[in-house]
N, C-alpha and C. Protein backbone atom coordinates (compact mmCIF):
# COMPACT_ATOMS: atom_id res chain seq x y z
N UNK A 1 13.99 17.47 14.25
CA UNK A 1 13.61 17.04 13.44
C UNK A 1 12.84 15.58 13.52
N UNK A 2 12.01 15.28 12.28
CA UNK A 2 11.52 14.17 12.71
C UNK A 2 12.01 12.70 11.81
N UNK A 3 12.27 11.58 12.74
CA UNK A 3 12.66 10.42 12.40
C UNK A 3 11.58 9.42 11.79
N UNK A 4 12.25 8.84 10.89
CA UNK A 4 11.52 7.31 10.37
C UNK A 4 10.15 6.70 11.40
N UNK A 5 9.14 6.70 11.09
CA UNK A 5 7.96 6.52 11.96
C UNK A 5 7.90 6.95 13.12
N UNK A 6 8.21 8.34 13.17
CA UNK A 6 7.39 9.45 14.23
C UNK A 6 6.35 10.20 13.41
N UNK A 7 5.60 9.82 14.45
CA UNK A 7 4.38 11.22 13.82
C UNK A 7 4.49 12.06 12.68
N UNK A 8 3.49 12.26 12.70
CA UNK A 8 3.69 13.41 11.78
C UNK A 8 3.68 14.78 12.20
N UNK A 9 4.02 16.20 11.59
CA UNK A 9 4.14 17.76 12.90
C UNK A 9 2.71 18.06 12.41
N UNK A 10 2.60 19.12 14.11
CA UNK A 10 1.25 19.19 14.17
C UNK A 10 0.89 19.84 12.78
N UNK A 11 0.13 20.20 12.27
CA UNK A 11 -0.34 21.32 11.88
C UNK A 11 -0.58 23.37 11.81
N UNK A 12 0.25 23.72 11.66
CA UNK A 12 0.09 25.39 11.59
C UNK A 12 -0.76 26.34 11.91
N UNK A 13 -1.10 26.04 13.62
CA UNK A 13 -2.00 26.98 13.97
C UNK A 13 -1.70 28.66 14.57
N UNK A 14 -3.00 29.20 14.18
CA UNK A 14 -2.64 31.05 14.97
C UNK A 14 -2.56 31.17 16.51
N UNK A 15 -1.91 31.31 16.83
CA UNK A 15 -1.62 31.99 18.15
C UNK A 15 -2.01 32.78 18.84
N UNK A 16 -2.65 33.52 19.49
CA UNK A 16 -2.99 34.89 20.22
C UNK A 16 -2.60 35.02 21.53
N UNK A 17 -1.89 36.42 21.22
CA UNK A 17 -1.20 36.23 22.75
C UNK A 17 -1.72 37.73 23.58
N UNK A 18 -1.92 37.22 24.67
CA UNK A 18 -2.40 38.18 25.17
C UNK A 18 -1.57 39.37 25.90
N UNK A 19 -2.05 40.64 25.65
CA UNK A 19 -1.24 41.53 25.93
C UNK A 19 -1.29 41.91 27.18
N UNK A 20 0.21 42.37 27.72
CA UNK A 20 0.20 42.82 29.68
C UNK A 20 -0.78 42.42 30.30
N UNK A 21 -0.72 40.59 30.61
CA UNK A 21 -1.06 40.08 30.92
C UNK A 21 -1.92 39.73 31.91
N UNK A 22 -2.77 40.13 30.35
CA UNK A 22 -4.92 40.28 29.97
C UNK A 22 -5.14 38.84 30.86
N UNK A 23 -4.39 37.44 30.87
CA UNK A 23 -4.92 36.61 30.32
C UNK A 23 -5.97 35.73 31.87
N UNK A 24 -5.44 36.84 32.90
CA UNK A 24 -5.67 35.97 34.27
C UNK A 24 -7.16 36.17 34.37
N UNK A 25 -8.00 37.09 33.98
CA UNK A 25 -9.41 37.77 34.56
C UNK A 25 -10.30 36.94 33.10
N UNK A 26 -10.13 36.37 32.49
CA UNK A 26 -10.92 35.57 31.17
C UNK A 26 -12.03 35.22 31.62
N UNK A 27 -13.39 34.98 31.71
CA UNK A 27 -14.15 34.28 32.05
C UNK A 27 -14.68 33.10 31.04
N UNK A 28 -15.16 32.24 31.87
CA UNK A 28 -15.33 30.70 31.68
C UNK A 28 -16.92 31.30 30.74
N UNK A 29 -17.24 29.60 30.69
CA UNK A 29 -18.77 30.31 29.31
C UNK A 29 -19.79 30.25 30.91
N UNK A 30 -19.42 28.75 31.76
CA UNK A 30 -19.89 29.08 33.19
C UNK A 30 -20.15 30.94 33.51
N UNK A 31 -19.12 31.45 33.98
CA UNK A 31 -19.34 32.44 34.09
C UNK A 31 -20.40 33.31 33.66
N UNK A 32 -19.78 33.37 31.94
CA UNK A 32 -20.63 34.50 31.21
C UNK A 32 -22.00 34.11 30.85
N UNK A 33 -22.35 32.87 31.74
CA UNK A 33 -24.16 32.34 31.28
C UNK A 33 -24.71 32.87 32.61
N UNK A 34 -23.96 33.06 33.50
CA UNK A 34 -24.08 33.30 35.20
C UNK A 34 -24.32 35.26 35.16
N UNK A 35 -23.95 35.46 34.11
CA UNK A 35 -24.00 36.90 34.07
C UNK A 35 -25.10 37.48 33.40
N UNK A 36 -25.13 35.98 31.86
CA UNK A 36 -26.17 37.25 31.15
C UNK A 36 -27.56 36.26 31.89
N UNK A 37 -26.90 35.78 33.23
CA UNK A 37 -28.55 34.86 33.41
C UNK A 37 -29.41 33.78 32.24
N UNK A 38 -28.31 32.86 31.86
CA UNK A 38 -28.94 32.30 30.33
C UNK A 38 -28.17 30.63 30.23
N UNK A 39 -28.58 30.21 29.88
CA UNK A 39 -27.82 28.55 29.91
C UNK A 39 -26.14 28.63 28.86
N UNK A 40 -25.08 27.58 29.56
CA UNK A 40 -23.65 27.52 28.95
C UNK A 40 -23.91 27.23 28.10
N UNK A 41 -25.22 26.73 26.91
CA UNK A 41 -25.24 26.05 25.99
C UNK A 41 -25.97 27.10 25.03
N UNK A 42 -26.82 28.69 25.77
CA UNK A 42 -26.68 29.67 24.67
C UNK A 42 -25.43 30.72 24.47
N UNK A 43 -24.29 30.07 25.49
CA UNK A 43 -23.35 31.49 25.44
C UNK A 43 -22.80 30.76 24.34
N UNK A 44 -22.58 29.10 24.53
CA UNK A 44 -21.58 28.63 22.92
C UNK A 44 -22.46 28.49 22.23
N UNK A 45 -23.77 28.92 21.52
CA UNK A 45 -24.46 28.76 20.61
C UNK A 45 -23.88 30.84 19.75
N UNK A 46 -23.85 31.69 20.81
CA UNK A 46 -23.59 32.91 20.65
C UNK A 46 -21.98 32.69 20.05
N UNK A 47 -20.95 32.22 20.86
CA UNK A 47 -19.46 32.21 20.38
C UNK A 47 -19.40 31.83 18.74
N UNK A 48 -20.16 30.83 18.71
CA UNK A 48 -20.46 29.86 17.47
C UNK A 48 -20.47 30.77 16.45
N UNK A 49 -22.23 31.04 16.62
CA UNK A 49 -22.77 32.54 15.60
C UNK A 49 -22.06 33.41 15.43
N UNK A 50 -20.53 33.57 16.36
CA UNK A 50 -20.11 34.95 16.10
C UNK A 50 -20.48 35.61 16.69
N UNK A 51 -21.52 36.08 17.78
CA UNK A 51 -21.82 37.28 18.33
C UNK A 51 -21.45 37.80 19.37
N UNK A 52 -20.42 36.43 20.00
CA UNK A 52 -19.60 37.06 21.38
C UNK A 52 -17.89 37.03 20.75
N UNK A 53 -17.47 38.01 20.96
CA UNK A 53 -16.42 37.73 21.03
C UNK A 53 -15.53 36.69 21.94
N UNK A 54 -14.52 36.08 21.50
CA UNK A 54 -14.16 34.71 22.55
C UNK A 54 -12.77 34.48 21.97
N UNK A 55 -11.74 33.47 22.65
CA UNK A 55 -11.41 32.51 22.12
C UNK A 55 -10.87 31.64 23.02
N UNK A 56 -10.52 30.74 22.20
CA UNK A 56 -10.13 29.61 22.88
C UNK A 56 -8.83 28.78 22.96
N UNK A 57 -8.81 28.46 24.15
CA UNK A 57 -7.63 27.51 24.96
C UNK A 57 -8.40 26.34 24.60
N UNK A 58 -7.48 25.40 24.20
CA UNK A 58 -7.19 24.10 23.82
C UNK A 58 -8.97 24.12 23.02
N UNK A 59 -9.89 23.21 24.14
CA UNK A 59 -11.38 22.81 23.34
C UNK A 59 -11.63 23.94 25.01
N UNK A 60 -11.31 24.94 25.19
CA UNK A 60 -12.34 25.76 26.37
C UNK A 60 -12.00 27.13 25.73
N UNK A 61 -13.56 27.27 26.12
CA UNK A 61 -13.77 28.83 25.69
C UNK A 61 -13.84 29.59 26.75
N UNK A 62 -13.50 30.76 26.03
CA UNK A 62 -13.06 31.95 27.31
C UNK A 62 -13.38 33.01 26.39
N UNK A 63 -13.63 34.68 27.31
CA UNK A 63 -14.25 35.32 26.71
C UNK A 63 -13.50 36.93 28.06
N UNK A 64 -13.58 37.16 27.20
CA UNK A 64 -12.75 38.87 27.63
C UNK A 64 -13.95 40.04 28.40
N UNK A 65 -13.43 39.89 29.93
CA UNK A 65 -14.84 41.22 30.81
C UNK A 65 -15.75 42.20 29.25
N UNK A 66 -13.74 42.67 28.97
CA UNK A 66 -14.28 44.02 27.85
C UNK A 66 -15.50 43.60 26.84
N UNK A 67 -15.13 42.22 26.07
CA UNK A 67 -16.04 42.08 25.33
C UNK A 67 -17.13 41.74 25.50
N UNK A 68 -18.06 41.55 26.91
CA UNK A 68 -18.54 40.35 27.26
C UNK A 68 -19.82 42.48 27.24
N UNK A 69 -18.83 43.03 27.62
CA UNK A 69 -19.31 44.07 27.87
C UNK A 69 -20.30 45.24 27.11
N UNK A 70 -19.08 45.13 25.70
CA UNK A 70 -19.37 45.50 24.51
C UNK A 70 -20.76 44.61 24.04
N UNK A 71 -20.81 42.87 24.15
CA UNK A 71 -21.95 42.58 23.23
C UNK A 71 -23.23 43.25 24.57
N UNK A 72 -22.87 43.21 25.19
CA UNK A 72 -24.51 43.46 26.36
C UNK A 72 -24.59 44.83 25.24
N UNK A 73 -23.46 45.81 25.93
CA UNK A 73 -23.68 46.90 24.95
C UNK A 73 -24.70 47.02 23.64
N UNK A 74 -24.39 46.13 22.66
CA UNK A 74 -24.77 46.20 21.16
C UNK A 74 -25.92 45.55 21.32
N UNK A 75 -26.35 44.65 22.43
CA UNK A 75 -27.45 43.90 22.60
C UNK A 75 -28.86 45.25 23.19
N UNK A 76 -28.58 46.38 23.85
CA UNK A 76 -28.60 47.17 24.42
C UNK A 76 -29.98 48.21 23.64
N UNK A 77 -28.57 48.13 22.65
CA UNK A 77 -29.00 49.43 21.71
C UNK A 77 -29.98 48.91 20.42
N UNK A 78 -29.67 47.72 20.22
CA UNK A 78 -30.69 46.67 18.96
C UNK A 78 -32.08 46.57 19.45
N UNK A 79 -32.09 45.63 20.77
CA UNK A 79 -33.32 45.44 20.96
C UNK A 79 -34.55 46.54 21.55
N UNK A 80 -35.43 46.47 21.98
CA UNK A 80 -36.26 47.44 22.08
C UNK A 80 -36.59 47.07 23.88
N UNK A 81 -36.30 48.00 24.59
CA UNK A 81 -36.24 47.98 25.79
C UNK A 81 -38.10 47.34 26.64
N UNK A 82 -38.39 46.45 27.25
CA UNK A 82 -39.40 46.29 27.64
C UNK A 82 -40.58 47.12 28.01
N UNK A 83 -39.97 48.29 28.73
CA UNK A 83 -41.00 49.38 28.84
C UNK A 83 -41.48 49.86 28.01
N UNK A 84 -40.82 50.17 26.86
CA UNK A 84 -41.52 50.87 26.12
C UNK A 84 -43.25 49.75 25.31
N UNK A 85 -42.69 48.83 25.85
CA UNK A 85 -44.26 47.95 24.52
C UNK A 85 -45.28 47.93 25.91
C-alpha cells in the first residue's frame, strides 16, 4: 500500500521467464559482435530493427545462442554467396 507522499507505483512491465534455467548461457552484445565479426553498434542496430531476436535485462541486451544461429541461417539463405559473383 502506498502512503501519502510516497513515489508512485511502477508501471506494469512485461516479464519474460526463461524456461529450464537457460538464462545462464545468454550472450552479451560484445559476445555476439565477436562471433559475427561486427561492431557492437551493428549488433544494437540489428536488435532495434527487430532482425536479431533478443531480450533486455534492465538496460542490457542479451541473445540466446539459438537465436544467433537462427539469425545467421536466415542471412545465409537470403544473401548470395561471394563465390557465385
